[in-house]
Amino acid sequence: MSETIYQDVFDAEIVLTDSVKTTIFQKHPEVGDFFDRVAGILSDPDEIRRSVRNVHVLLYYQYDAAILKGKWLVVVVKQVDRNFVSTIYATDQIKSGEQVWKKSI
């Protein structure tokens, strides 16, 4: 199984397997418009939140006014034995949940 390894804002390794990437493109075809931004979203997010449903899940957010008429790009990372990308999508707003990190302005 092939995988891509990214570094996040905390210098942690984040893994994206090819099988998860394929599933993401099937469920969220719009991701193709900004998939090349995944490394930047992880290494330079605007905000990181902890999921309210699962304490082992972090949501990395980066806003882009040019994507789909202005959306938050989200990379969801599950922290188990390794940190791995579980999905990627675009949304209108940041979800509730504990703010783990926010970019200084």
PDB file of N, CA and C in Angstrom:
ATOM      1  N   MET A   1       0.850  -1.181   0.000  1.00  0.00           N
ATOM      2  CA  MET A   1       0.000   0.000   0.000  1.00  0.00           C
ATOM      3  C   MET A   1       0.893   1.241   0.000  1.00  0.00           C
ATOM      4  N   SER A   2       0.641   2.128  -0.920  1.00  0.00           N
ATOM      5  CA  SER A   2       1.415   3.351  -1.034  1.00  0.00           C
ATOM      6  C   SER A   2       0.812   4.437  -0.143  1.00  0.00           C
ATOM      7  N   GLU A   3       1.667   5.334   0.317  1.00  0.00           N
ATOM      8  CA  GLU A   3       1.183   6.411   1.167  1.00  0.00           C
ATOM      9  C   GLU A   3       2.008   7.666   0.960  1.00  0.00           C
ATOM     10  N   THR A   4       1.394   8.798   1.279  1.00  0.00           N
ATOM     11  CA  THR A   4       2.064  10.092   1.251  1.00  0.00           C
ATOM     12  C   THR A   4       2.174  10.562   2.691  1.00  0.00           C
ATOM     13  N   ILE A   5       3.337  11.099   3.049  1.00  0.00           N
ATOM     14  CA  ILE A   5       3.540  11.583   4.410  1.00  0.00           C
ATOM     15  C   ILE A   5       3.709  13.095   4.367  1.00  0.00           C
ATOM     16  N   TYR A   6       2.899  13.766   5.184  1.00  0.00           N
ATOM     17  CA  TYR A   6       2.931  15.223   5.314  1.00  0.00           C
ATOM     18  C   TYR A   6       3.444  15.581   6.705  1.00  0.00           C
ATOM     19  N   GLN A   7       3.842  16.835   6.893  1.00  0.00           N
ATOM     20  CA  GLN A   7       4.190  17.372   8.211  1.00  0.00           C
ATOM     21  C   GLN A   7       3.141  18.420   8.559  1.00  0.00           C
ATOM     22  N   ASP A   8       2.664  18.398   9.806  1.00  0.00           N
ATOM     23  CA  ASP A   8       1.690  19.411  10.195  1.00  0.00           C
ATOM     24  C   ASP A   8       2.384  20.581  10.894  1.00  0.00           C
ATOM     25  N   VAL A   9       1.606  21.520  11.385  1.00  0.00           N
ATOM     26  CA  VAL A   9       2.116  22.729  12.018  1.00  0.00           C
ATOM     27  C   VAL A   9       2.925  22.415  13.277  1.00  0.00           C
ATOM     28  N   PHE A  10       2.719  21.242  13.882  1.00  0.00           N
ATOM     29  CA  PHE A  10       3.461  20.810  15.066  1.00  0.00           C
ATOM     30  C   PHE A  10       4.646  19.906  14.706  1.00  0.00           C
ATOM     31  N   ASP A  11       4.947  19.768  13.416  1.00  0.00           N
ATOM     32  CA  ASP A  11       5.995  18.880  12.889  1.00  0.00           C
ATOM     33  C   ASP A  11       5.690  17.400  13.103  1.00  0.00           C
ATOM     34  N   ALA A  12       4.429  17.066  13.283  1.00  0.00           N
ATOM     35  CA  ALA A  12       4.021  15.661  13.387  1.00  0.00           C
ATOM     36  C   ALA A  12       3.818  15.097  11.985  1.00  0.00           C
ATOM     37  N   GLU A  13       4.111  13.814  11.819  1.00  0.00           N
ATOM     38  CA  GLU A  13       3.874  13.154  10.533  1.00  0.00           C
ATOM     39  C   GLU A  13       2.405  12.792  10.400  1.00  0.00           C
ATOM     40  N   ILE A  14       1.835  13.122   9.237  1.00  0.00           N
ATOM     41  CA  ILE A  14       0.448  12.797   8.916  1.00  0.00           C
ATOM     42  C   ILE A  14       0.478  11.938   7.662  1.00  0.00           C
ATOM     43  N   VAL A  15      -0.151  10.771   7.713  1.00  0.00           N
ATOM     44  CA  VAL A  15      -0.112   9.804   6.619  1.00  0.00           C
ATOM     45  C   VAL A  15      -1.428   9.820   5.845  1.00  0.00           C
ATOM     46  N   LEU A  16      -1.318   9.794   4.523  1.00  0.00           N
ATOM     47  CA  LEU A  16      -2.482   9.628   3.645  1.00  0.00           C
ATOM     48  C   LEU A  16      -2.209   8.420   2.762  1.00  0.00           C
ATOM     49  N   THR A  17      -2.994   7.363   2.950  1.00  0.00           N
ATOM     50  CA  THR A  17      -2.819   6.165   2.125  1.00  0.00           C
ATOM     51  C   THR A  17      -3.553   6.341   0.798  1.00  0.00           C
ATOM     52  N   ASP A  18      -3.104   5.610  -0.209  1.00  0.00           N
ATOM     53  CA  ASP A  18      -3.763   5.675  -1.515  1.00  0.00           C
ATOM     54  C   ASP A  18      -5.206   5.197  -1.447  1.00  0.00           C
ATOM     55  N   SER A  19      -5.488   4.204  -0.606  1.00  0.00           N
ATOM     56  CA  SER A  19      -6.866   3.707  -0.515  1.00  0.00           C
ATOM     57  C   SER A  19      -7.791   4.758   0.090  1.00  0.00           C
ATOM     58  N   VAL A  20      -7.318   5.491   1.098  1.00  0.00           N
ATOM     59  CA  VAL A  20      -8.131   6.569   1.677  1.00  0.00           C
ATOM     60  C   VAL A  20      -8.295   7.693   0.657  1.00  0.00           C
ATOM     61  N   LYS A  21      -7.234   8.011  -0.066  1.00  0.00           N
ATOM     62  CA  LYS A  21      -7.308   9.053  -1.096  1.00  0.00           C
ATOM     63  C   LYS A  21      -8.367   8.697  -2.137  1.00  0.00           C
ATOM     64  N   THR A  22      -8.398   7.458  -2.581  1.00  0.00           N
ATOM     65  CA  THR A  22      -9.399   7.012  -3.556  1.00  0.00           C
ATOM     66  C   THR A  22     -10.805   7.175  -2.997  1.00  0.00           C
ATOM     67  N   THR A  23     -11.005   6.778  -1.751  1.00  0.00           N
ATOM     68  CA  THR A  23     -12.317   6.911  -1.110  1.00  0.00           C
ATOM     69  C   THR A  23     -12.728   8.374  -0.999  1.00  0.00           C
ATOM     70  N   ILE A  24     -11.783   9.238  -0.637  1.00  0.00           N
ATOM     71  CA  ILE A  24     -12.076  10.673  -0.528  1.00  0.00           C
ATOM     72  C   ILE A  24     -12.547  11.216  -1.870  1.00  0.00           C
ATOM     73  N   PHE A  25     -11.856  10.900  -2.944  1.00  0.00           N
ATOM     74  CA  PHE A  25     -12.246  11.396  -4.270  1.00  0.00           C
ATOM     75  C   PHE A  25     -13.609  10.861  -4.700  1.00  0.00           C
ATOM     76  N   GLN A  26     -13.962   9.665  -4.267  1.00  0.00           N
ATOM     77  CA  GLN A  26     -15.284   9.115  -4.593  1.00  0.00           C
ATOM     78  C   GLN A  26     -16.382   9.831  -3.818  1.00  0.00           C
ATOM     79  N   LYS A  27     -16.151  10.097  -2.532  1.00  0.00           N
ATOM     80  CA  LYS A  27     -17.173  10.721  -1.688  1.00  0.00           C
ATOM     81  C   LYS A  27     -17.235  12.234  -1.840  1.00  0.00           C
ATOM     82  N   HIS A  28     -16.102  12.855  -2.129  1.00  0.00           N
ATOM     83  CA  HIS A  28     -16.007  14.316  -2.215  1.00  0.00           C
ATOM     84  C   HIS A  28     -15.263  14.714  -3.495  1.00  0.00           C
ATOM     85  N   PRO A  29     -15.901  14.577  -4.663  1.00  0.00           N
ATOM     86  CA  PRO A  29     -15.200  14.879  -5.919  1.00  0.00           C
ATOM     87  C   PRO A  29     -14.682  16.313  -6.008  1.00  0.00           C
ATOM     88  N   GLU A  30     -15.296  17.239  -5.265  1.00  0.00           N
ATOM     89  CA  GLU A  30     -14.845  18.632  -5.288  1.00  0.00           C
ATOM     90  C   GLU A  30     -13.431  18.782  -4.730  1.00  0.00           C
ATOM     91  N   VAL A  31     -12.963  17.787  -3.991  1.00  0.00           N
ATOM     92  CA  VAL A  31     -11.621  17.819  -3.419  1.00  0.00           C
ATOM     93  C   VAL A  31     -10.561  17.913  -4.518  1.00  0.00           C
ATOM     94  N   GLY A  32     -10.864  17.399  -5.684  1.00  0.00           N
ATOM     95  CA  GLY A  32      -9.925  17.480  -6.801  1.00  0.00           C
ATOM     96  C   GLY A  32      -9.512  18.903  -7.122  1.00  0.00           C
ATOM     97  N   ASP A  33     -10.395  19.869  -6.823  1.00  0.00           N
ATOM     98  CA  ASP A  33     -10.098  21.279  -7.089  1.00  0.00           C
ATOM     99  C   ASP A  33      -9.034  21.849  -6.161  1.00  0.00           C
ATOM    100  N   PHE A  34      -8.829  21.228  -5.014  1.00  0.00           N
ATOM    101  CA  PHE A  34      -7.853  21.779  -4.066  1.00  0.00           C
ATOM    102  C   PHE A  34      -6.975  20.721  -3.399  1.00  0.00           C
ATOM    103  N   PHE A  35      -6.953  19.519  -3.943  1.00  0.00           N
ATOM    104  CA  PHE A  35      -6.163  18.452  -3.321  1.00  0.00           C
ATOM    105  C   PHE A  35      -4.685  18.817  -3.193  1.00  0.00           C
ATOM    106  N   ASP A  36      -4.171  19.579  -4.136  1.00  0.00           N
ATOM    107  CA  ASP A  36      -2.764  19.980  -4.098  1.00  0.00           C
ATOM    108  C   ASP A  36      -2.453  20.904  -2.917  1.00  0.00           C
ATOM    109  N   ARG A  37      -3.471  21.335  -2.203  1.00  0.00           N
ATOM    110  CA  ARG A  37      -3.307  22.232  -1.057  1.00  0.00           C
ATOM    111  C   ARG A  37      -3.206  21.488   0.281  1.00  0.00           C
ATOM    112  N   VAL A  38      -3.341  20.173   0.287  1.00  0.00           N
ATOM    113  CA  VAL A  38      -3.372  19.406   1.540  1.00  0.00           C
ATOM    114  C   VAL A  38      -2.135  19.675   2.396  1.00  0.00           C
ATOM    115  N   ALA A  39      -0.953  19.640   1.813  1.00  0.00           N
ATOM    116  CA  ALA A  39       0.275  19.873   2.583  1.00  0.00           C
ATOM    117  C   ALA A  39       0.241  21.238   3.255  1.00  0.00           C
ATOM    118  N   GLY A  40      -0.216  22.257   2.534  1.00  0.00           N
ATOM    119  CA  GLY A  40      -0.296  23.604   3.091  1.00  0.00           C
ATOM    120  C   GLY A  40      -1.350  23.746   4.171  1.00  0.00           C
ATOM    121  N   ILE A  41      -2.466  23.048   4.012  1.00  0.00           N
ATOM    122  CA  ILE A  41      -3.519  23.093   5.036  1.00  0.00           C
ATOM    123  C   ILE A  41      -2.994  22.492   6.339  1.00  0.00           C
ATOM    124  N   LEU A  42      -2.250  21.403   6.243  1.00  0.00           N
ATOM    125  CA  LEU A  42      -1.703  20.763   7.441  1.00  0.00           C
ATOM    126  C   LEU A  42      -0.561  21.565   8.066  1.00  0.00           C
ATOM    127  N   SER A  43       0.308  22.138   7.253  1.00  0.00           N
ATOM    128  CA  SER A  43       1.480  22.843   7.782  1.00  0.00           C
ATOM    129  C   SER A  43       1.208  24.299   8.127  1.00  0.00           C
ATOM    130  N   ASP A  44       0.149  24.881   7.551  1.00  0.00           N
ATOM    131  CA  ASP A  44      -0.151  26.296   7.783  1.00  0.00           C
ATOM    132  C   ASP A  44      -1.663  26.526   7.867  1.00  0.00           C
ATOM    133  N   PRO A  45      -2.338  25.845   8.805  1.00  0.00           N
ATOM    134  CA  PRO A  45      -3.791  26.007   8.908  1.00  0.00           C
ATOM    135  C   PRO A  45      -4.150  27.352   9.524  1.00  0.00           C
ATOM    136  N   ASP A  46      -5.383  27.779   9.307  1.00  0.00           N
ATOM    137  CA  ASP A  46      -5.888  28.962  10.002  1.00  0.00           C
ATOM    138  C   ASP A  46      -6.320  28.590  11.416  1.00  0.00           C
ATOM    139  N   GLU A  47      -6.831  27.381  11.559  1.00  0.00           N
ATOM    140  CA  GLU A  47      -7.326  26.926  12.858  1.00  0.00           C
ATOM    141  C   GLU A  47      -7.370  25.401  12.890  1.00  0.00           C
ATOM    142  N   ILE A  48      -7.199  24.857  14.092  1.00  0.00           N
ATOM    143  CA  ILE A  48      -7.339  23.416  14.308  1.00  0.00           C
ATOM    144  C   ILE A  48      -8.328  23.219  15.452  1.00  0.00           C
ATOM    145  N   ARG A  49      -9.292  22.330  15.231  1.00  0.00           N
ATOM    146  CA  ARG A  49     -10.296  22.010  16.260  1.00  0.00           C
ATOM    147  C   ARG A  49     -10.297  20.512  16.529  1.00  0.00           C
ATOM    148  N   ARG A  50     -10.629  20.153  17.771  1.00  0.00           N
ATOM    149  CA  ARG A  50     -10.808  18.754  18.136  1.00  0.00           C
ATOM    150  C   ARG A  50     -12.268  18.400  17.892  1.00  0.00           C
ATOM    151  N   SER A  51     -12.521  17.260  17.323  1.00  0.00           N
ATOM    152  CA  SER A  51     -13.881  16.806  17.054  1.00  0.00           C
ATOM    153  C   SER A  51     -14.660  16.645  18.356  1.00  0.00           C
ATOM    154  N   VAL A  52     -15.931  17.045  18.336  1.00  0.00           N
ATOM    155  CA  VAL A  52     -16.779  16.834  19.512  1.00  0.00           C
ATOM    156  C   VAL A  52     -17.209  15.373  19.616  1.00  0.00           C
ATOM    157  N   ARG A  53     -17.145  14.637  18.527  1.00  0.00           N
ATOM    158  CA  ARG A  53     -17.572  13.233  18.509  1.00  0.00           C
ATOM    159  C   ARG A  53     -16.464  12.251  18.863  1.00  0.00           C
ATOM    160  N   ASN A  54     -15.210  12.647  18.603  1.00  0.00           N
ATOM    161  CA  ASN A  54     -14.095  11.727  18.820  1.00  0.00           C
ATOM    162  C   ASN A  54     -12.866  12.538  19.232  1.00  0.00           C
ATOM    163  N   VAL A  55     -12.402  12.361  20.453  1.00  0.00           N
ATOM    164  CA  VAL A  55     -11.273  13.142  20.963  1.00  0.00           C
ATOM    165  C   VAL A  55      -9.964  12.841  20.235  1.00  0.00           C
ATOM    166  N   HIS A  56      -9.937  11.785  19.444  1.00  0.00           N
ATOM    167  CA  HIS A  56      -8.735  11.409  18.696  1.00  0.00           C
ATOM    168  C   HIS A  56      -8.734  11.974  17.275  1.00  0.00           C
ATOM    169  N   VAL A  57      -9.662  12.885  16.988  1.00  0.00           N
ATOM    170  CA  VAL A  57      -9.781  13.456  15.645  1.00  0.00           C
ATOM    171  C   VAL A  57      -9.568  14.966  15.703  1.00  0.00           C
ATOM    172  N   LEU A  58      -8.657  15.453  14.839  1.00  0.00           N
ATOM    173  CA  LEU A  58      -8.418  16.884  14.691  1.00  0.00           C
ATOM    174  C   LEU A  58      -8.860  17.325  13.307  1.00  0.00           C
ATOM    175  N   LEU A  59      -9.443  18.527  13.241  1.00  0.00           N
ATOM    176  CA  LEU A  59      -9.877  19.111  11.974  1.00  0.00           C
ATOM    177  C   LEU A  59      -9.007  20.333  11.694  1.00  0.00           C
ATOM    178  N   TYR A  60      -8.260  20.292  10.605  1.00  0.00           N
ATOM    179  CA  TYR A  60      -7.372  21.373  10.186  1.00  0.00           C
ATOM    180  C   TYR A  60      -8.123  22.219   9.161  1.00  0.00           C
ATOM    181  N   TYR A  61      -8.293  23.516   9.454  1.00  0.00           N
ATOM    182  CA  TYR A  61      -9.072  24.412   8.596  1.00  0.00           C
ATOM    183  C   TYR A  61      -8.183  25.466   7.953  1.00  0.00           C
ATOM    184  N   GLN A  62      -8.480  25.761   6.690  1.00  0.00           N
ATOM    185  CA  GLN A  62      -7.842  26.876   5.993  1.00  0.00           C
ATOM    186  C   GLN A  62      -8.888  27.485   5.067  1.00  0.00           C
ATOM    187  N   TYR A  63      -9.077  28.805   5.169  1.00  0.00           N
ATOM    188  CA  TYR A  63     -10.091  29.472   4.348  1.00  0.00           C
ATOM    189  C   TYR A  63      -9.506  29.859   2.997  1.00  0.00           C
ATOM    190  N   ASP A  64     -10.328  29.718   1.952  1.00  0.00           N
ATOM    191  CA  ASP A  64      -9.934  30.143   0.609  1.00  0.00           C
ATOM    192  C   ASP A  64     -11.140  30.755  -0.087  1.00  0.00           C
ATOM    193  N   ALA A  65     -11.074  32.053  -0.331  1.00  0.00           N
ATOM    194  CA  ALA A  65     -12.184  32.772  -0.973  1.00  0.00           C
ATOM    195  C   ALA A  65     -12.380  32.342  -2.420  1.00  0.00           C
ATOM    196  N   ALA A  66     -11.358  31.767  -3.039  1.00  0.00           N
ATOM    197  CA  ALA A  66     -11.442  31.396  -4.455  1.00  0.00           C
ATOM    198  C   ALA A  66     -12.027  30.001  -4.680  1.00  0.00           C
ATOM    199  N   ILE A  67     -12.096  29.183  -3.662  1.00  0.00           N
ATOM    200  CA  ILE A  67     -12.605  27.815  -3.809  1.00  0.00           C
ATOM    201  C   ILE A  67     -14.106  27.795  -3.569  1.00  0.00           C
ATOM    202  N   LEU A  68     -14.860  27.346  -4.555  1.00  0.00           N
ATOM    203  CA  LEU A  68     -16.309  27.181  -4.431  1.00  0.00           C
ATOM    204  C   LEU A  68     -16.985  28.424  -3.846  1.00  0.00           C
ATOM    205  N   LYS A  69     -16.566  29.597  -4.304  1.00  0.00           N
ATOM    206  CA  LYS A  69     -17.130  30.889  -3.865  1.00  0.00           C
ATOM    207  C   LYS A  69     -16.892  31.169  -2.384  1.00  0.00           C
ATOM    208  N   GLY A  70     -15.800  30.691  -1.851  1.00  0.00           N
ATOM    209  CA  GLY A  70     -15.422  30.959  -0.471  1.00  0.00           C
ATOM    210  C   GLY A  70     -15.784  29.829   0.465  1.00  0.00           C
ATOM    211  N   LYS A  71     -14.820  28.991   0.769  1.00  0.00           N
ATOM    212  CA  LYS A  71     -15.060  27.833   1.642  1.00  0.00           C
ATOM    213  C   LYS A  71     -13.874  27.622   2.582  1.00  0.00           C
ATOM    214  N   TRP A  72     -14.160  26.946   3.675  1.00  0.00           N
ATOM    215  CA  TRP A  72     -13.120  26.422   4.545  1.00  0.00           C
ATOM    216  C   TRP A  72     -12.714  25.067   3.988  1.00  0.00           C
ATOM    217  N   LEU A  73     -11.437  24.885   3.738  1.00  0.00           N
ATOM    218  CA  LEU A  73     -10.910  23.594   3.313  1.00  0.00           C
ATOM    219  C   LEU A  73     -10.526  22.847   4.585  1.00  0.00           C
ATOM    220  N   VAL A  74     -10.944  21.601   4.693  1.00  0.00           N
ATOM    221  CA  VAL A  74     -10.771  20.845   5.934  1.00  0.00           C
ATOM    222  C   VAL A  74     -10.050  19.529   5.657  1.00  0.00           C
ATOM    223  N   VAL A  75      -9.009  19.282   6.435  1.00  0.00           N
ATOM    224  CA  VAL A  75      -8.340  17.986   6.424  1.00  0.00           C
ATOM    225  C   VAL A  75      -8.575  17.381   7.806  1.00  0.00           C
ATOM    226  N   VAL A  76      -9.200  16.212   7.830  1.00  0.00           N
ATOM    227  CA  VAL A  76      -9.534  15.537   9.083  1.00  0.00           C
ATOM    228  C   VAL A  76      -8.468  14.479   9.363  1.00  0.00           C
ATOM    229  N   VAL A  77      -7.856  14.578  10.543  1.00  0.00           N
ATOM    230  CA  VAL A  77      -6.759  13.688  10.916  1.00  0.00           C
ATOM    231  C   VAL A  77      -7.151  12.892  12.154  1.00  0.00           C
ATOM    232  N   LYS A  78      -7.057  11.588  12.039  1.00  0.00           N
ATOM    233  CA  LYS A  78      -7.340  10.701  13.171  1.00  0.00           C
ATOM    234  C   LYS A  78      -6.013  10.299  13.804  1.00  0.00           C
ATOM    235  N   GLN A  79      -5.945  10.439  15.125  1.00  0.00           N
ATOM    236  CA  GLN A  79      -4.728  10.121  15.869  1.00  0.00           C
ATOM    237  C   GLN A  79      -4.908   8.775  16.571  1.00  0.00           C
ATOM    238  N   VAL A  80      -4.261   7.756  16.012  1.00  0.00           N
ATOM    239  CA  VAL A  80      -4.319   6.421  16.614  1.00  0.00           C
ATOM    240  C   VAL A  80      -2.864   6.030  16.869  1.00  0.00           C
ATOM    241  N   ASP A  81      -2.413   4.905  16.346  1.00  0.00           N
ATOM    242  CA  ASP A  81      -0.998   4.561  16.449  1.00  0.00           C
ATOM    243  C   ASP A  81      -0.163   5.534  15.621  1.00  0.00           C
ATOM    244  N   ARG A  82      -0.734   5.943  14.499  1.00  0.00           N
ATOM    245  CA  ARG A  82      -0.135   6.962  13.627  1.00  0.00           C
ATOM    246  C   ARG A  82      -1.196   8.023  13.396  1.00  0.00           C
ATOM    247  N   ASN A  83      -0.760   9.183  12.962  1.00  0.00           N
ATOM    248  CA  ASN A  83      -1.700  10.229  12.561  1.00  0.00           C
ATOM    249  C   ASN A  83      -2.008  10.010  11.094  1.00  0.00           C
ATOM    250  N   PHE A  84      -3.282   9.846  10.753  1.00  0.00           N
ATOM    251  CA  PHE A  84      -3.602   9.639   9.351  1.00  0.00           C
ATOM    252  C   PHE A  84      -4.812  10.452   8.924  1.00  0.00           C
ATOM    253  N   VAL A  85      -4.791  10.864   7.657  1.00  0.00           N
ATOM    254  CA  VAL A  85      -5.902  11.609   7.072  1.00  0.00           C
ATOM    255  C   VAL A  85      -7.064  10.643   6.907  1.00  0.00           C
ATOM    256  N   SER A  86      -8.231  11.023   7.445  1.00  0.00           N
ATOM    257  CA  SER A  86      -9.411  10.172   7.273  1.00  0.00           C
ATOM    258  C   SER A  86     -10.344  10.716   6.206  1.00  0.00           C
ATOM    259  N   THR A  87     -10.359  12.046   6.020  1.00  0.00           N
ATOM    260  CA  THR A  87     -11.130  12.627   4.924  1.00  0.00           C
ATOM    261  C   THR A  87     -10.689  14.063   4.684  1.00  0.00           C
ATOM    262  N   ILE A  88     -11.135  14.596   3.562  1.00  0.00           N
ATOM    263  CA  ILE A  88     -10.857  15.976   3.168  1.00  0.00           C
ATOM    264  C   ILE A  88     -12.143  16.493   2.538  1.00  0.00           C
ATOM    265  N   TYR A  89     -12.527  17.732   2.871  1.00  0.00           N
ATOM    266  CA  TYR A  89     -13.740  18.291   2.278  1.00  0.00           C
ATOM    267  C   TYR A  89     -13.728  19.809   2.389  1.00  0.00           C
ATOM    268  N   ALA A  90     -14.727  20.455   1.811  1.00  0.00           N
ATOM    269  CA  ALA A  90     -14.912  21.904   1.905  1.00  0.00           C
ATOM    270  C   ALA A  90     -16.218  22.163   2.642  1.00  0.00           C
ATOM    271  N   THR A  91     -16.239  23.243   3.439  1.00  0.00           N
ATOM    272  CA  THR A  91     -17.436  23.564   4.216  1.00  0.00           C
ATOM    273  C   THR A  91     -17.605  25.077   4.324  1.00  0.00           C
ATOM    274  N   ASP A  92     -18.822  25.495   4.674  1.00  0.00           N
ATOM    275  CA  ASP A  92     -19.123  26.917   4.821  1.00  0.00           C
ATOM    276  C   ASP A  92     -18.644  27.493   6.148  1.00  0.00           C
ATOM    277  N   GLN A  93     -18.541  26.655   7.165  1.00  0.00           N
ATOM    278  CA  GLN A  93     -18.178  27.176   8.482  1.00  0.00           C
ATOM    279  C   GLN A  93     -17.376  26.162   9.285  1.00  0.00           C
ATOM    280  N   ILE A  94     -16.665  26.690  10.279  1.00  0.00           N
ATOM    281  CA  ILE A  94     -15.897  25.849  11.188  1.00  0.00           C
ATOM    282  C   ILE A  94     -16.862  25.157  12.139  1.00  0.00           C
ATOM    283  N   LYS A  95     -16.630  23.880  12.374  1.00  0.00           N
ATOM    284  CA  LYS A  95     -17.474  23.095  13.280  1.00  0.00           C
ATOM    285  C   LYS A  95     -17.178  23.470  14.735  1.00  0.00           C
ATOM    286  N   SER A  96     -18.118  23.138  15.613  1.00  0.00           N
ATOM    287  CA  SER A  96     -17.869  23.348  17.036  1.00  0.00           C
ATOM    288  C   SER A  96     -16.838  22.328  17.491  1.00  0.00           C
ATOM    289  N   GLY A  97     -16.304  22.545  18.653  1.00  0.00           N
ATOM    290  CA  GLY A  97     -15.271  21.665  19.182  1.00  0.00           C
ATOM    291  C   GLY A  97     -14.174  22.499  19.802  1.00  0.00           C
ATOM    292  N   GLU A  98     -13.370  21.873  20.614  1.00  0.00           N
ATOM    293  CA  GLU A  98     -12.291  22.573  21.300  1.00  0.00           C
ATOM    294  C   GLU A  98     -11.288  23.125  20.292  1.00  0.00           C
ATOM    295  N   GLN A  99     -10.966  24.413  20.449  1.00  0.00           N
ATOM    296  CA  GLN A  99      -9.948  25.016  19.592  1.00  0.00           C
ATOM    297  C   GLN A  99      -8.582  24.571  20.119  1.00  0.00           C
ATOM    298  N   VAL A 100      -7.843  23.860  19.290  1.00  0.00           N
ATOM    299  CA  VAL A 100      -6.533  23.338  19.672  1.00  0.00           C
ATOM    300  C   VAL A 100      -5.435  24.329  19.321  1.00  0.00           C
ATOM    301  N   TRP A 101      -5.616  25.019  18.197  1.00  0.00           N
ATOM    302  CA  TRP A 101      -4.588  25.939  17.704  1.00  0.00           C
ATOM    303  C   TRP A 101      -5.245  26.950  16.779  1.00  0.00           C
ATOM    304  N   LYS A 102      -4.755  28.200  16.808  1.00  0.00           N
ATOM    305  CA  LYS A 102      -5.247  29.225  15.884  1.00  0.00           C
ATOM    306  C   LYS A 102      -4.065  30.065  15.434  1.00  0.00           C
ATOM    307  N   LYS A 103      -4.054  30.387  14.133  1.00  0.00           N
ATOM    308  CA  LYS A 103      -2.978  31.188  13.560  1.00  0.00           C
ATOM    309  C   LYS A 103      -3.004  32.588  14.167  1.00  0.00           C
ATOM    310  N   SER A 104      -1.842  33.098  14.513  1.00  0.00           N
ATOM    311  CA  SER A 104      -1.735  34.472  15.001  1.00  0.00           C
ATOM    312  C   SER A 104      -1.837  35.430  13.832  1.00  0.00           C
ATOM    313  N   ILE A 105      -2.558  36.495  14.053  1.00  0.00           N
ATOM    314  CA  ILE A 105      -2.729  37.484  12.969  1.00  0.00           C
ATOM    315  C   ILE A 105      -1.750  38.612  13.152  1.00  0.00           C
TER     316      ILE A 105
END
